[in-house]
Amino acid sequence: MKFNEHTNLNDVLDYIEKTYSGHYTSENGIQSMDLISSSGRGLDFCLGNVMKYAARYGKKNGANKIDLMKIIHYTLLAMNEHDIKESNETRPTNT
């Protein structure tokens, strides 16, 4: 691809994989995102974090590529939350 998308996507995937084995996960594999999502606030949480890291970019430790990766990661999580919400809204109700 013209703009190095494959390399950057692979870097993002590597970053995301590390979050599942790093300090972001409890001993039983539960992340704070699991709890927030189960409360029905996952989409708002993710979008808020996208805004936070976008606003922070260039301010903390300079132009920090990790903030861009966090924006992408939270965008992907937001897309998942969106899909969950959409599937719940289109699910037929038992009447």
PDB file of N, CA and C in Angstrom:
ATOM      1  N   MET A   1       0.839  -1.182   0.000  1.00  0.00           N
ATOM      2  CA  MET A   1       0.000   0.000   0.000  1.00  0.00           C
ATOM      3  C   MET A   1       0.884   1.246   0.000  1.00  0.00           C
ATOM      4  N   LYS A   2       0.343   2.282  -0.511  1.00  0.00           N
ATOM      5  CA  LYS A   2       1.101   3.504  -0.747  1.00  0.00           C
ATOM      6  C   LYS A   2       1.566   4.205   0.534  1.00  0.00           C
ATOM      7  N   PHE A   3       0.763   4.186   1.567  1.00  0.00           N
ATOM      8  CA  PHE A   3       1.059   4.974   2.762  1.00  0.00           C
ATOM      9  C   PHE A   3       1.483   4.125   3.959  1.00  0.00           C
ATOM     10  N   ASN A   4       2.066   2.965   3.702  1.00  0.00           N
ATOM     11  CA  ASN A   4       2.632   2.140   4.765  1.00  0.00           C
ATOM     12  C   ASN A   4       1.572   1.578   5.721  1.00  0.00           C
ATOM     13  N   GLU A   5       0.353   1.411   5.217  1.00  0.00           N
ATOM     14  CA  GLU A   5      -0.739   0.953   6.077  1.00  0.00           C
ATOM     15  C   GLU A   5      -0.484  -0.429   6.666  1.00  0.00           C
ATOM     16  N   HIS A   6       0.052  -1.348   5.857  1.00  0.00           N
ATOM     17  CA  HIS A   6       0.280  -2.704   6.367  1.00  0.00           C
ATOM     18  C   HIS A   6       1.218  -2.703   7.570  1.00  0.00           C
ATOM     19  N   THR A   7       2.310  -1.990   7.453  1.00  0.00           N
ATOM     20  CA  THR A   7       3.268  -1.929   8.557  1.00  0.00           C
ATOM     21  C   THR A   7       2.636  -1.302   9.787  1.00  0.00           C
ATOM     22  N   ASN A   8       1.930  -0.200   9.592  1.00  0.00           N
ATOM     23  CA  ASN A   8       1.300   0.465  10.732  1.00  0.00           C
ATOM     24  C   ASN A   8       0.212  -0.392  11.362  1.00  0.00           C
ATOM     25  N   LEU A   9      -0.572  -1.094  10.549  1.00  0.00           N
ATOM     26  CA  LEU A   9      -1.599  -1.981  11.107  1.00  0.00           C
ATOM     27  C   LEU A   9      -0.961  -3.119  11.893  1.00  0.00           C
ATOM     28  N   ASN A  10       0.132  -3.656  11.388  1.00  0.00           N
ATOM     29  CA  ASN A  10       0.838  -4.707  12.130  1.00  0.00           C
ATOM     30  C   ASN A  10       1.380  -4.175  13.450  1.00  0.00           C
ATOM     31  N   ASP A  11       1.890  -2.938  13.451  1.00  0.00           N
ATOM     32  CA  ASP A  11       2.352  -2.321  14.701  1.00  0.00           C
ATOM     33  C   ASP A  11       1.204  -2.173  15.695  1.00  0.00           C
ATOM     34  N   VAL A  12       0.038  -1.774  15.201  1.00  0.00           N
ATOM     35  CA  VAL A  12      -1.137  -1.621  16.067  1.00  0.00           C
ATOM     36  C   VAL A  12      -1.560  -2.978  16.619  1.00  0.00           C
ATOM     37  N   LEU A  13      -1.573  -4.005  15.774  1.00  0.00           N
ATOM     38  CA  LEU A  13      -1.935  -5.345  16.249  1.00  0.00           C
ATOM     39  C   LEU A  13      -0.968  -5.827  17.325  1.00  0.00           C
ATOM     40  N   ASP A  14       0.321  -5.587  17.130  1.00  0.00           N
ATOM     41  CA  ASP A  14       1.308  -5.956  18.155  1.00  0.00           C
ATOM     42  C   ASP A  14       1.025  -5.221  19.459  1.00  0.00           C
ATOM     43  N   TYR A  15       0.728  -3.930  19.365  1.00  0.00           N
ATOM     44  CA  TYR A  15       0.411  -3.135  20.560  1.00  0.00           C
ATOM     45  C   TYR A  15      -0.824  -3.702  21.271  1.00  0.00           C
ATOM     46  N   ILE A  16      -1.877  -3.991  20.501  1.00  0.00           N
ATOM     47  CA  ILE A  16      -3.120  -4.499  21.090  1.00  0.00           C
ATOM     48  C   ILE A  16      -2.876  -5.833  21.786  1.00  0.00           C
ATOM     49  N   GLU A  17      -2.129  -6.726  21.146  1.00  0.00           N
ATOM     50  CA  GLU A  17      -1.844  -8.027  21.759  1.00  0.00           C
ATOM     51  C   GLU A  17      -1.133  -7.862  23.101  1.00  0.00           C
ATOM     52  N   LYS A  18      -0.248  -6.891  23.196  1.00  0.00           N
ATOM     53  CA  LYS A  18       0.470  -6.659  24.454  1.00  0.00           C
ATOM     54  C   LYS A  18      -0.464  -6.169  25.557  1.00  0.00           C
ATOM     55  N   THR A  19      -1.546  -5.481  25.190  1.00  0.00           N
ATOM     56  CA  THR A  19      -2.465  -5.007  26.226  1.00  0.00           C
ATOM     57  C   THR A  19      -3.187  -6.172  26.896  1.00  0.00           C
ATOM     58  N   TYR A  20      -3.322  -7.292  26.204  1.00  0.00           N
ATOM     59  CA  TYR A  20      -4.009  -8.442  26.784  1.00  0.00           C
ATOM     60  C   TYR A  20      -3.111  -9.245  27.713  1.00  0.00           C
ATOM     61  N   SER A  21      -1.819  -9.022  27.627  1.00  0.00           N
ATOM     62  CA  SER A  21      -0.908  -9.734  28.523  1.00  0.00           C
ATOM     63  C   SER A  21      -0.225  -8.787  29.504  1.00  0.00           C
ATOM     64  N   GLY A  22      -0.516  -7.515  29.409  1.00  0.00           N
ATOM     65  CA  GLY A  22       0.136  -6.521  30.254  1.00  0.00           C
ATOM     66  C   GLY A  22      -0.654  -6.201  31.496  1.00  0.00           C
ATOM     67  N   HIS A  23      -0.386  -5.030  32.042  1.00  0.00           N
ATOM     68  CA  HIS A  23      -1.014  -4.615  33.297  1.00  0.00           C
ATOM     69  C   HIS A  23      -2.475  -4.219  33.124  1.00  0.00           C
ATOM     70  N   TYR A  24      -2.994  -4.273  31.904  1.00  0.00           N
ATOM     71  CA  TYR A  24      -4.378  -3.890  31.656  1.00  0.00           C
ATOM     72  C   TYR A  24      -5.361  -5.014  31.984  1.00  0.00           C
ATOM     73  N   THR A  25      -4.833  -6.196  32.307  1.00  0.00           N
ATOM     74  CA  THR A  25      -5.668  -7.370  32.530  1.00  0.00           C
ATOM     75  C   THR A  25      -5.453  -7.904  33.940  1.00  0.00           C
ATOM     76  N   SER A  26      -6.550  -8.306  34.592  1.00  0.00           N
ATOM     77  CA  SER A  26      -6.433  -8.895  35.925  1.00  0.00           C
ATOM     78  C   SER A  26      -5.971 -10.347  35.809  1.00  0.00           C
ATOM     79  N   GLU A  27      -5.763 -10.977  36.949  1.00  0.00           N
ATOM     80  CA  GLU A  27      -5.306 -12.365  36.965  1.00  0.00           C
ATOM     81  C   GLU A  27      -6.266 -13.298  36.242  1.00  0.00           C
ATOM     82  N   ASN A  28      -7.556 -13.006  36.290  1.00  0.00           N
ATOM     83  CA  ASN A  28      -8.538 -13.877  35.643  1.00  0.00           C
ATOM     84  C   ASN A  28      -8.867 -13.436  34.219  1.00  0.00           C
ATOM     85  N   GLY A  29      -8.077 -12.499  33.662  1.00  0.00           N
ATOM     86  CA  GLY A  29      -8.246 -12.095  32.270  1.00  0.00           C
ATOM     87  C   GLY A  29      -9.275 -11.011  32.028  1.00  0.00           C
ATOM     88  N   ILE A  30      -9.845 -10.460  33.088  1.00  0.00           N
ATOM     89  CA  ILE A  30     -10.867  -9.424  32.933  1.00  0.00           C
ATOM     90  C   ILE A  30     -10.195  -8.061  32.838  1.00  0.00           C
ATOM     91  N   GLN A  31     -10.605  -7.297  31.849  1.00  0.00           N
ATOM     92  CA  GLN A  31     -10.124  -5.930  31.695  1.00  0.00           C
ATOM     93  C   GLN A  31     -11.214  -4.973  32.153  1.00  0.00           C
ATOM     94  N   SER A  32     -10.820  -3.759  32.466  1.00  0.00           N
ATOM     95  CA  SER A  32     -11.819  -2.755  32.852  1.00  0.00           C
ATOM     96  C   SER A  32     -12.844  -2.569  31.741  1.00  0.00           C
ATOM     97  N   MET A  33     -12.422  -2.735  30.492  1.00  0.00           N
ATOM     98  CA  MET A  33     -13.342  -2.605  29.360  1.00  0.00           C
ATOM     99  C   MET A  33     -14.479  -3.621  29.460  1.00  0.00           C
ATOM    100  N   ASP A  34     -14.195  -4.813  29.971  1.00  0.00           N
ATOM    101  CA  ASP A  34     -15.238  -5.827  30.142  1.00  0.00           C
ATOM    102  C   ASP A  34     -16.320  -5.332  31.095  1.00  0.00           C
ATOM    103  N   LEU A  35     -15.901  -4.746  32.196  1.00  0.00           N
ATOM    104  CA  LEU A  35     -16.856  -4.247  33.188  1.00  0.00           C
ATOM    105  C   LEU A  35     -17.644  -3.059  32.647  1.00  0.00           C
ATOM    106  N   ILE A  36     -16.950  -2.149  31.983  1.00  0.00           N
ATOM    107  CA  ILE A  36     -17.610  -0.964  31.440  1.00  0.00           C
ATOM    108  C   ILE A  36     -18.592  -1.356  30.347  1.00  0.00           C
ATOM    109  N   SER A  37     -18.205  -2.272  29.493  1.00  0.00           N
ATOM    110  CA  SER A  37     -19.085  -2.736  28.420  1.00  0.00           C
ATOM    111  C   SER A  37     -20.332  -3.409  28.982  1.00  0.00           C
ATOM    112  N   SER A  38     -20.139  -4.228  30.013  1.00  0.00           N
ATOM    113  CA  SER A  38     -21.291  -4.933  30.583  1.00  0.00           C
ATOM    114  C   SER A  38     -22.272  -3.982  31.255  1.00  0.00           C
ATOM    115  N   SER A  39     -21.808  -2.770  31.592  1.00  0.00           N
ATOM    116  CA  SER A  39     -22.710  -1.782  32.196  1.00  0.00           C
ATOM    117  C   SER A  39     -23.476  -0.983  31.145  1.00  0.00           C
ATOM    118  N   GLY A  40     -23.164  -1.227  29.862  1.00  0.00           N
ATOM    119  CA  GLY A  40     -23.844  -0.507  28.792  1.00  0.00           C
ATOM    120  C   GLY A  40     -23.213   0.829  28.446  1.00  0.00           C
ATOM    121  N   ARG A  41     -22.038   1.107  29.001  1.00  0.00           N
ATOM    122  CA  ARG A  41     -21.373   2.397  28.773  1.00  0.00           C
ATOM    123  C   ARG A  41     -20.123   2.272  27.900  1.00  0.00           C
ATOM    124  N   GLY A  42     -19.945   1.137  27.261  1.00  0.00           N
ATOM    125  CA  GLY A  42     -18.722   0.876  26.505  1.00  0.00           C
ATOM    126  C   GLY A  42     -18.461   1.834  25.364  1.00  0.00           C
ATOM    127  N   LEU A  43     -19.483   2.141  24.570  1.00  0.00           N
ATOM    128  CA  LEU A  43     -19.284   3.019  23.416  1.00  0.00           C
ATOM    129  C   LEU A  43     -18.854   4.409  23.859  1.00  0.00           C
ATOM    130  N   ASP A  44     -19.543   4.961  24.843  1.00  0.00           N
ATOM    131  CA  ASP A  44     -19.181   6.294  25.337  1.00  0.00           C
ATOM    132  C   ASP A  44     -17.773   6.309  25.927  1.00  0.00           C
ATOM    133  N   PHE A  45     -17.420   5.261  26.660  1.00  0.00           N
ATOM    134  CA  PHE A  45     -16.085   5.152  27.243  1.00  0.00           C
ATOM    135  C   PHE A  45     -15.020   5.163  26.153  1.00  0.00           C
ATOM    136  N   CYS A  46     -15.244   4.374  25.115  1.00  0.00           N
ATOM    137  CA  CYS A  46     -14.264   4.290  24.028  1.00  0.00           C
ATOM    138  C   CYS A  46     -14.127   5.616  23.292  1.00  0.00           C
ATOM    139  N   LEU A  47     -15.254   6.238  22.979  1.00  0.00           N
ATOM    140  CA  LEU A  47     -15.201   7.513  22.266  1.00  0.00           C
ATOM    141  C   LEU A  47     -14.540   8.594  23.116  1.00  0.00           C
ATOM    142  N   GLY A  48     -14.787   8.564  24.410  1.00  0.00           N
ATOM    143  CA  GLY A  48     -14.123   9.507  25.304  1.00  0.00           C
ATOM    144  C   GLY A  48     -12.613   9.317  25.308  1.00  0.00           C
ATOM    145  N   ASN A  49     -12.177   8.061  25.263  1.00  0.00           N
ATOM    146  CA  ASN A  49     -10.740   7.797  25.228  1.00  0.00           C
ATOM    147  C   ASN A  49     -10.119   8.188  23.891  1.00  0.00           C
ATOM    148  N   VAL A  50     -10.859   8.020  22.795  1.00  0.00           N
ATOM    149  CA  VAL A  50     -10.369   8.504  21.498  1.00  0.00           C
ATOM    150  C   VAL A  50     -10.114  10.005  21.588  1.00  0.00           C
ATOM    151  N   MET A  51     -11.071  10.734  22.156  1.00  0.00           N
ATOM    152  CA  MET A  51     -10.920  12.183  22.300  1.00  0.00           C
ATOM    153  C   MET A  51      -9.741  12.530  23.211  1.00  0.00           C
ATOM    154  N   LYS A  52      -9.608  11.787  24.307  1.00  0.00           N
ATOM    155  CA  LYS A  52      -8.530  12.058  25.268  1.00  0.00           C
ATOM    156  C   LYS A  52      -7.162  11.900  24.619  1.00  0.00           C
ATOM    157  N   TYR A  53      -6.954  10.773  23.926  1.00  0.00           N
ATOM    158  CA  TYR A  53      -5.640  10.532  23.339  1.00  0.00           C
ATOM    159  C   TYR A  53      -5.383  11.429  22.132  1.00  0.00           C
ATOM    160  N   ALA A  54      -6.415  11.813  21.412  1.00  0.00           N
ATOM    161  CA  ALA A  54      -6.237  12.756  20.305  1.00  0.00           C
ATOM    162  C   ALA A  54      -5.826  14.124  20.842  1.00  0.00           C
ATOM    163  N   ALA A  55      -6.445  14.548  21.931  1.00  0.00           N
ATOM    164  CA  ALA A  55      -6.106  15.845  22.526  1.00  0.00           C
ATOM    165  C   ALA A  55      -4.715  15.822  23.150  1.00  0.00           C
ATOM    166  N   ARG A  56      -4.300  14.667  23.643  1.00  0.00           N
ATOM    167  CA  ARG A  56      -3.007  14.539  24.317  1.00  0.00           C
ATOM    168  C   ARG A  56      -1.844  14.419  23.335  1.00  0.00           C
ATOM    169  N   TYR A  57      -2.129  13.967  22.116  1.00  0.00           N
ATOM    170  CA  TYR A  57      -1.062  13.731  21.142  1.00  0.00           C
ATOM    171  C   TYR A  57      -0.213  14.989  20.956  1.00  0.00           C
ATOM    172  N   GLY A  58       1.086  14.817  21.078  1.00  0.00           N
ATOM    173  CA  GLY A  58       2.012  15.923  20.913  1.00  0.00           C
ATOM    174  C   GLY A  58       2.290  16.691  22.188  1.00  0.00           C
ATOM    175  N   LYS A  59       1.542  16.395  23.238  1.00  0.00           N
ATOM    176  CA  LYS A  59       1.714  17.131  24.498  1.00  0.00           C
ATOM    177  C   LYS A  59       2.461  16.317  25.552  1.00  0.00           C
ATOM    178  N   LYS A  60       2.188  15.029  25.624  1.00  0.00           N
ATOM    179  CA  LYS A  60       2.863  14.177  26.605  1.00  0.00           C
ATOM    180  C   LYS A  60       3.974  13.416  25.879  1.00  0.00           C
ATOM    181  N   ASN A  61       5.183  13.652  26.270  1.00  0.00           N
ATOM    182  CA  ASN A  61       6.352  13.027  25.632  1.00  0.00           C
ATOM    183  C   ASN A  61       6.448  13.346  24.144  1.00  0.00           C
ATOM    184  N   GLY A  62       6.007  14.506  23.742  1.00  0.00           N
ATOM    185  CA  GLY A  62       6.091  14.917  22.342  1.00  0.00           C
ATOM    186  C   GLY A  62       5.096  14.183  21.461  1.00  0.00           C
ATOM    187  N   ALA A  63       5.405  14.125  20.174  1.00  0.00           N
ATOM    188  CA  ALA A  63       4.534  13.442  19.210  1.00  0.00           C
ATOM    189  C   ALA A  63       4.709  11.941  19.402  1.00  0.00           C
ATOM    190  N   ASN A  64       3.928  11.389  20.300  1.00  0.00           N
ATOM    191  CA  ASN A  64       4.073  10.019  20.753  1.00  0.00           C
ATOM    192  C   ASN A  64       3.203   9.086  19.910  1.00  0.00           C
ATOM    193  N   LYS A  65       3.832   8.209  19.140  1.00  0.00           N
ATOM    194  CA  LYS A  65       3.097   7.291  18.265  1.00  0.00           C
ATOM    195  C   LYS A  65       2.164   6.375  19.059  1.00  0.00           C
ATOM    196  N   ILE A  66       2.515   6.083  20.298  1.00  0.00           N
ATOM    197  CA  ILE A  66       1.671   5.202  21.107  1.00  0.00           C
ATOM    198  C   ILE A  66       0.289   5.804  21.315  1.00  0.00           C
ATOM    199  N   ASP A  67       0.198   7.128  21.412  1.00  0.00           N
ATOM    200  CA  ASP A  67      -1.121   7.759  21.531  1.00  0.00           C
ATOM    201  C   ASP A  67      -1.955   7.511  20.279  1.00  0.00           C
ATOM    202  N   LEU A  68      -1.326   7.528  19.111  1.00  0.00           N
ATOM    203  CA  LEU A  68      -2.052   7.231  17.873  1.00  0.00           C
ATOM    204  C   LEU A  68      -2.528   5.782  17.866  1.00  0.00           C
ATOM    205  N   MET A  69      -1.711   4.875  18.387  1.00  0.00           N
ATOM    206  CA  MET A  69      -2.117   3.472  18.473  1.00  0.00           C
ATOM    207  C   MET A  69      -3.289   3.308  19.432  1.00  0.00           C
ATOM    208  N   LYS A  70      -3.269   4.055  20.524  1.00  0.00           N
ATOM    209  CA  LYS A  70      -4.381   3.993  21.476  1.00  0.00           C
ATOM    210  C   LYS A  70      -5.664   4.523  20.842  1.00  0.00           C
ATOM    211  N   ILE A  71      -5.554   5.562  20.026  1.00  0.00           N
ATOM    212  CA  ILE A  71      -6.730   6.083  19.318  1.00  0.00           C
ATOM    213  C   ILE A  71      -7.314   5.002  18.417  1.00  0.00           C
ATOM    214  N   ILE A  72      -6.447   4.319  17.678  1.00  0.00           N
ATOM    215  CA  ILE A  72      -6.917   3.251  16.787  1.00  0.00           C
ATOM    216  C   ILE A  72      -7.526   2.115  17.595  1.00  0.00           C
ATOM    217  N   HIS A  73      -6.866   1.720  18.689  1.00  0.00           N
ATOM    218  CA  HIS A  73      -7.374   0.630  19.514  1.00  0.00           C
ATOM    219  C   HIS A  73      -8.757   0.969  20.077  1.00  0.00           C
ATOM    220  N   TYR A  74      -8.901   2.163  20.643  1.00  0.00           N
ATOM    221  CA  TYR A  74     -10.204   2.549  21.189  1.00  0.00           C
ATOM    222  C   TYR A  74     -11.251   2.726  20.096  1.00  0.00           C
ATOM    223  N   THR A  75     -10.822   3.102  18.886  1.00  0.00           N
ATOM    224  CA  THR A  75     -11.762   3.171  17.768  1.00  0.00           C
ATOM    225  C   THR A  75     -12.258   1.773  17.415  1.00  0.00           C
ATOM    226  N   LEU A  76     -11.359   0.799  17.403  1.00  0.00           N
ATOM    227  CA  LEU A  76     -11.770  -0.582  17.137  1.00  0.00           C
ATOM    228  C   LEU A  76     -12.708  -1.099  18.226  1.00  0.00           C
ATOM    229  N   LEU A  77     -12.395  -0.777  19.476  1.00  0.00           N
ATOM    230  CA  LEU A  77     -13.282  -1.172  20.573  1.00  0.00           C
ATOM    231  C   LEU A  77     -14.642  -0.491  20.439  1.00  0.00           C
ATOM    232  N   ALA A  78     -14.644   0.773  20.022  1.00  0.00           N
ATOM    233  CA  ALA A  78     -15.907   1.493  19.808  1.00  0.00           C
ATOM    234  C   ALA A  78     -16.710   0.845  18.692  1.00  0.00           C
ATOM    235  N   MET A  79     -16.030   0.411  17.644  1.00  0.00           N
ATOM    236  CA  MET A  79     -16.732  -0.268  16.548  1.00  0.00           C
ATOM    237  C   MET A  79     -17.390  -1.549  17.046  1.00  0.00           C
ATOM    238  N   ASN A  80     -16.696  -2.286  17.916  1.00  0.00           N
ATOM    239  CA  ASN A  80     -17.273  -3.496  18.490  1.00  0.00           C
ATOM    240  C   ASN A  80     -18.485  -3.162  19.354  1.00  0.00           C
ATOM    241  N   GLU A  81     -18.361  -2.125  20.180  1.00  0.00           N
ATOM    242  CA  GLU A  81     -19.490  -1.702  21.017  1.00  0.00           C
ATOM    243  C   GLU A  81     -20.668  -1.259  20.148  1.00  0.00           C
ATOM    244  N   HIS A  82     -20.377  -0.555  19.062  1.00  0.00           N
ATOM    245  CA  HIS A  82     -21.421  -0.141  18.114  1.00  0.00           C
ATOM    246  C   HIS A  82     -22.145  -1.366  17.559  1.00  0.00           C
ATOM    247  N   ASP A  83     -21.376  -2.363  17.135  1.00  0.00           N
ATOM    248  CA  ASP A  83     -21.970  -3.577  16.571  1.00  0.00           C
ATOM    249  C   ASP A  83     -22.834  -4.301  17.594  1.00  0.00           C
ATOM    250  N   ILE A  84     -22.378  -4.351  18.837  1.00  0.00           N
ATOM    251  CA  ILE A  84     -23.172  -4.981  19.900  1.00  0.00           C
ATOM    252  C   ILE A  84     -24.480  -4.230  20.083  1.00  0.00           C
ATOM    253  N   LYS A  85     -24.397  -2.906  20.146  1.00  0.00           N
ATOM    254  CA  LYS A  85     -25.594  -2.080  20.318  1.00  0.00           C
ATOM    255  C   LYS A  85     -26.559  -2.265  19.153  1.00  0.00           C
ATOM    256  N   GLU A  86     -26.024  -2.256  17.933  1.00  0.00           N
ATOM    257  CA  GLU A  86     -26.862  -2.432  16.747  1.00  0.00           C
ATOM    258  C   GLU A  86     -27.539  -3.799  16.751  1.00  0.00           C
ATOM    259  N   SER A  87     -26.812  -4.844  17.117  1.00  0.00           N
ATOM    260  CA  SER A  87     -27.411  -6.179  17.115  1.00  0.00           C
ATOM    261  C   SER A  87     -28.481  -6.298  18.189  1.00  0.00           C
ATOM    262  N   ASN A  88     -28.300  -5.624  19.320  1.00  0.00           N
ATOM    263  CA  ASN A  88     -29.318  -5.641  20.373  1.00  0.00           C
ATOM    264  C   ASN A  88     -30.562  -4.870  19.957  1.00  0.00           C
ATOM    265  N   GLU A  89     -30.382  -3.786  19.208  1.00  0.00           N
ATOM    266  CA  GLU A  89     -31.524  -2.975  18.781  1.00  0.00           C
ATOM    267  C   GLU A  89     -32.306  -3.633  17.657  1.00  0.00           C
ATOM    268  N   THR A  90     -31.656  -4.480  16.871  1.00  0.00           N
ATOM    269  CA  THR A  90     -32.346  -5.131  15.763  1.00  0.00           C
ATOM    270  C   THR A  90     -32.845  -6.522  16.120  1.00  0.00           C
ATOM    271  N   ARG A  91     -32.532  -6.980  17.321  1.00  0.00           N
ATOM    272  CA  ARG A  91     -32.977  -8.293  17.767  1.00  0.00           C
ATOM    273  C   ARG A  91     -34.482  -8.247  18.015  1.00  0.00           C
ATOM    274  N   PRO A  92     -35.223  -9.204  17.480  1.00  0.00           N
ATOM    275  CA  PRO A  92     -36.674  -9.208  17.724  1.00  0.00           C
ATOM    276  C   PRO A  92     -36.986  -9.407  19.202  1.00  0.00           C
ATOM    277  N   THR A  93     -37.986  -8.734  19.675  1.00  0.00           N
ATOM    278  CA  THR A  93     -38.400  -8.879  21.071  1.00  0.00           C
ATOM    279  C   THR A  93     -39.466  -9.946  21.176  1.00  0.00           C
ATOM    280  N   ASN A  94     -39.489 -10.602  22.309  1.00  0.00           N
ATOM    281  CA  ASN A  94     -40.512 -11.616  22.563  1.00  0.00           C
ATOM    282  C   ASN A  94     -41.737 -10.927  23.143  1.00  0.00           C
ATOM    283  N   THR A  95     -42.816 -10.929  22.379  1.00  0.00           N
ATOM    284  CA  THR A  95     -44.055 -10.314  22.874  1.00  0.00           C
ATOM    285  C   THR A  95     -45.185 -11.296  22.843  1.00  0.00           C
TER     286      THR A  95
END
